[in-house]
Amino acid sequence: MKVNCPICNTLVEWSSTSLFRPFCSKKCQLIDLGEWAAEDRAIPATKQSPDTPENMPDIEDIEAMLSQQQDDFFKH
């Protein structure tokens, strides 16, 4: 099966012998990685779940909660 390289659109054989699949080369693979790192590429998100960092307690809240526990593993 052949696919297009996501960066340069060159046809690439999709097989175990194609080391950089779905990319045609290491260069295109690194370009893609750089775009993700620079946040030029992103997977669009919908509504955030309650477990997102914005809704999670900060470290001070967690430490305060742990200090109130009677049976704390780390206090023994």
N, C-alpha and C. Protein backbone atom coordinates (compact mmCIF):
# COMPACT_ATOMS: atom_id res chain seq x y z
N MET A 1 0.85 -1.18 0.00
CA MET A 1 0.00 0.00 0.00
C MET A 1 0.89 1.24 0.00
N LYS A 2 0.47 2.24 -0.71
CA LYS A 2 1.22 3.50 -0.76
C LYS A 2 0.38 4.61 -0.15
N VAL A 3 1.05 5.48 0.60
CA VAL A 3 0.41 6.64 1.23
C VAL A 3 1.22 7.88 0.90
N ASN A 4 0.63 9.03 1.05
CA ASN A 4 1.34 10.29 0.84
C ASN A 4 2.03 10.73 2.12
N CYS A 5 3.25 11.19 2.00
CA CYS A 5 3.97 11.76 3.13
C CYS A 5 3.18 12.97 3.62
N PRO A 6 2.90 13.06 4.93
CA PRO A 6 2.11 14.18 5.44
C PRO A 6 2.76 15.55 5.26
N ILE A 7 4.06 15.58 5.03
CA ILE A 7 4.77 16.85 4.90
C ILE A 7 4.92 17.27 3.44
N CYS A 8 5.44 16.37 2.58
CA CYS A 8 5.75 16.77 1.21
C CYS A 8 4.89 16.08 0.15
N ASN A 9 4.00 15.20 0.57
CA ASN A 9 3.08 14.48 -0.32
C ASN A 9 3.74 13.47 -1.25
N THR A 10 5.00 13.12 -1.03
CA THR A 10 5.65 12.08 -1.81
C THR A 10 5.00 10.74 -1.48
N LEU A 11 4.81 9.89 -2.48
CA LEU A 11 4.26 8.57 -2.23
C LEU A 11 5.25 7.71 -1.45
N VAL A 12 4.76 7.06 -0.40
CA VAL A 12 5.60 6.24 0.47
C VAL A 12 4.98 4.85 0.57
N GLU A 13 5.81 3.83 0.43
CA GLU A 13 5.35 2.45 0.60
C GLU A 13 5.13 2.21 2.10
N TRP A 14 3.92 1.78 2.47
CA TRP A 14 3.59 1.51 3.87
C TRP A 14 3.93 0.04 4.14
N SER A 15 5.14 -0.19 4.63
CA SER A 15 5.57 -1.55 4.94
C SER A 15 6.64 -1.50 6.02
N SER A 16 6.99 -2.65 6.54
CA SER A 16 8.01 -2.70 7.59
C SER A 16 9.39 -2.27 7.11
N THR A 17 9.60 -2.26 5.81
CA THR A 17 10.89 -1.83 5.27
C THR A 17 11.00 -0.31 5.16
N SER A 18 9.89 0.38 5.28
CA SER A 18 9.89 1.85 5.23
C SER A 18 10.10 2.38 6.64
N LEU A 19 11.33 2.75 6.94
CA LEU A 19 11.72 3.13 8.30
C LEU A 19 11.01 4.38 8.84
N PHE A 20 10.66 5.29 7.98
CA PHE A 20 10.12 6.57 8.45
C PHE A 20 8.61 6.70 8.22
N ARG A 21 7.93 5.61 7.86
CA ARG A 21 6.51 5.68 7.52
C ARG A 21 5.72 6.37 8.63
N PRO A 22 4.81 7.21 8.36
CA PRO A 22 4.24 7.54 7.07
C PRO A 22 5.04 8.61 6.32
N PHE A 23 6.20 8.96 6.82
CA PHE A 23 7.01 10.00 6.18
C PHE A 23 7.94 9.38 5.15
N CYS A 24 8.39 10.18 4.20
CA CYS A 24 9.28 9.67 3.16
C CYS A 24 10.73 9.66 3.61
N SER A 25 11.07 10.48 4.62
CA SER A 25 12.46 10.58 5.03
C SER A 25 12.55 11.07 6.48
N LYS A 26 13.74 10.99 7.02
CA LYS A 26 14.01 11.49 8.37
C LYS A 26 13.76 13.00 8.42
N LYS A 27 14.09 13.69 7.33
CA LYS A 27 13.89 15.14 7.27
C LYS A 27 12.41 15.49 7.48
N CYS A 28 11.51 14.81 6.75
CA CYS A 28 10.08 15.10 6.89
C CYS A 28 9.59 14.70 8.28
N GLN A 29 10.14 13.61 8.81
CA GLN A 29 9.76 13.18 10.15
C GLN A 29 10.13 14.25 11.19
N LEU A 30 11.32 14.83 11.05
CA LEU A 30 11.77 15.86 11.98
C LEU A 30 11.01 17.17 11.79
N ILE A 31 10.64 17.49 10.57
CA ILE A 31 9.82 18.68 10.33
C ILE A 31 8.49 18.54 11.05
N ASP A 32 7.87 17.37 10.94
CA ASP A 32 6.60 17.11 11.61
C ASP A 32 6.76 17.21 13.12
N LEU A 33 7.81 16.61 13.67
CA LEU A 33 8.06 16.67 15.10
C LEU A 33 8.22 18.12 15.57
N GLY A 34 8.96 18.91 14.80
CA GLY A 34 9.15 20.32 15.13
C GLY A 34 7.84 21.10 15.12
N GLU A 35 6.96 20.77 14.18
CA GLU A 35 5.66 21.46 14.12
C GLU A 35 4.80 21.10 15.34
N TRP A 36 4.86 19.86 15.77
CA TRP A 36 4.11 19.48 16.98
C TRP A 36 4.72 20.18 18.20
N ALA A 37 6.05 20.20 18.29
CA ALA A 37 6.72 20.81 19.44
C ALA A 37 6.44 22.31 19.51
N ALA A 38 6.34 22.95 18.36
CA ALA A 38 6.05 24.39 18.32
C ALA A 38 4.55 24.67 18.44
N GLU A 39 3.76 23.60 18.57
CA GLU A 39 2.31 23.67 18.67
C GLU A 39 1.66 24.26 17.43
N ASP A 40 2.36 24.12 16.28
CA ASP A 40 1.75 24.49 14.99
C ASP A 40 0.75 23.42 14.58
N ARG A 41 0.95 22.21 15.05
CA ARG A 41 0.00 21.11 14.83
C ARG A 41 -0.59 20.74 16.17
N ALA A 42 -1.86 20.42 16.17
CA ALA A 42 -2.51 19.99 17.40
C ALA A 42 -3.76 19.20 17.06
N ILE A 43 -4.15 18.32 17.96
CA ILE A 43 -5.39 17.60 17.80
C ILE A 43 -6.47 18.45 18.45
N PRO A 44 -7.48 18.85 17.69
CA PRO A 44 -8.50 19.73 18.27
C PRO A 44 -9.23 19.03 19.43
N ALA A 45 -9.41 19.76 20.47
CA ALA A 45 -10.10 19.22 21.65
C ALA A 45 -11.49 19.83 21.74
N THR A 46 -12.38 19.02 22.25
CA THR A 46 -13.73 19.52 22.50
C THR A 46 -13.81 19.94 23.96
N LYS A 47 -14.91 19.72 24.57
CA LYS A 47 -15.10 20.10 25.97
C LYS A 47 -14.08 19.41 26.86
N GLN A 48 -13.48 20.17 27.79
CA GLN A 48 -12.47 19.60 28.66
C GLN A 48 -13.12 18.77 29.76
N SER A 49 -12.46 17.69 30.10
CA SER A 49 -12.98 16.83 31.16
C SER A 49 -12.63 17.42 32.52
N PRO A 50 -13.29 16.96 33.58
CA PRO A 50 -12.98 17.48 34.92
C PRO A 50 -11.57 17.17 35.38
N ASP A 51 -10.88 16.25 34.71
CA ASP A 51 -9.52 15.89 35.11
C ASP A 51 -8.46 16.74 34.46
N THR A 52 -8.84 17.82 33.81
CA THR A 52 -7.85 18.68 33.17
C THR A 52 -7.08 19.45 34.24
N PRO A 53 -5.84 19.81 33.96
CA PRO A 53 -5.02 20.50 34.96
C PRO A 53 -5.65 21.76 35.54
N GLU A 54 -6.50 22.45 34.77
CA GLU A 54 -7.11 23.67 35.28
C GLU A 54 -8.04 23.40 36.46
N ASN A 55 -8.66 22.21 36.47
CA ASN A 55 -9.62 21.88 37.51
C ASN A 55 -9.03 21.03 38.61
N MET A 56 -7.77 20.67 38.48
CA MET A 56 -7.14 19.83 39.48
C MET A 56 -6.58 20.71 40.59
N PRO A 57 -6.56 20.20 41.82
CA PRO A 57 -5.99 20.99 42.92
C PRO A 57 -4.50 21.19 42.72
N ASP A 58 -3.98 22.29 43.24
CA ASP A 58 -2.55 22.51 43.12
C ASP A 58 -1.83 21.78 44.26
N ILE A 59 -0.53 21.80 44.25
CA ILE A 59 0.27 21.04 45.21
C ILE A 59 0.00 21.47 46.65
N GLU A 60 -0.24 22.74 46.89
CA GLU A 60 -0.52 23.20 48.23
C GLU A 60 -1.82 22.61 48.77
N ASP A 61 -2.84 22.51 47.91
CA ASP A 61 -4.11 21.90 48.32
C ASP A 61 -3.91 20.42 48.65
N ILE A 62 -3.12 19.74 47.85
CA ILE A 62 -2.87 18.32 48.09
C ILE A 62 -2.10 18.13 49.39
N GLU A 63 -1.07 18.95 49.63
CA GLU A 63 -0.30 18.84 50.87
C GLU A 63 -1.15 19.12 52.09
N ALA A 64 -2.04 20.12 52.01
CA ALA A 64 -2.93 20.43 53.12
C ALA A 64 -3.87 19.26 53.40
N MET A 65 -4.39 18.66 52.36
CA MET A 65 -5.29 17.52 52.51
C MET A 65 -4.55 16.34 53.14
N LEU A 66 -3.33 16.07 52.71
CA LEU A 66 -2.56 14.96 53.27
C LEU A 66 -2.17 15.21 54.72
N SER A 67 -1.89 16.44 55.08
CA SER A 67 -1.50 16.73 56.46
C SER A 67 -2.65 16.53 57.44
N GLN A 68 -3.88 16.56 56.96
CA GLN A 68 -5.04 16.37 57.82
C GLN A 68 -5.37 14.90 58.05
N GLN A 69 -4.78 14.01 57.29
CA GLN A 69 -5.06 12.58 57.44
C GLN A 69 -4.37 12.05 58.69
N GLN A 70 -5.08 11.22 59.44
CA GLN A 70 -4.54 10.63 60.66
C GLN A 70 -3.55 9.51 60.35
N ASP A 71 -3.91 8.63 59.45
CA ASP A 71 -3.10 7.49 59.13
C ASP A 71 -2.34 7.74 57.84
N ASP A 72 -1.22 8.41 57.95
CA ASP A 72 -0.43 8.76 56.75
C ASP A 72 0.80 7.87 56.68
N PHE A 73 0.93 7.18 55.58
CA PHE A 73 2.04 6.26 55.37
C PHE A 73 3.40 6.95 55.55
N PHE A 74 3.53 8.19 55.12
CA PHE A 74 4.80 8.88 55.13
C PHE A 74 5.18 9.44 56.50
N LYS A 75 4.26 9.45 57.46
CA LYS A 75 4.55 9.98 58.80
C LYS A 75 5.13 8.91 59.72
N HIS A 76 5.17 7.66 59.30
CA HIS A 76 5.67 6.57 60.17
C HIS A 76 7.14 6.38 60.04
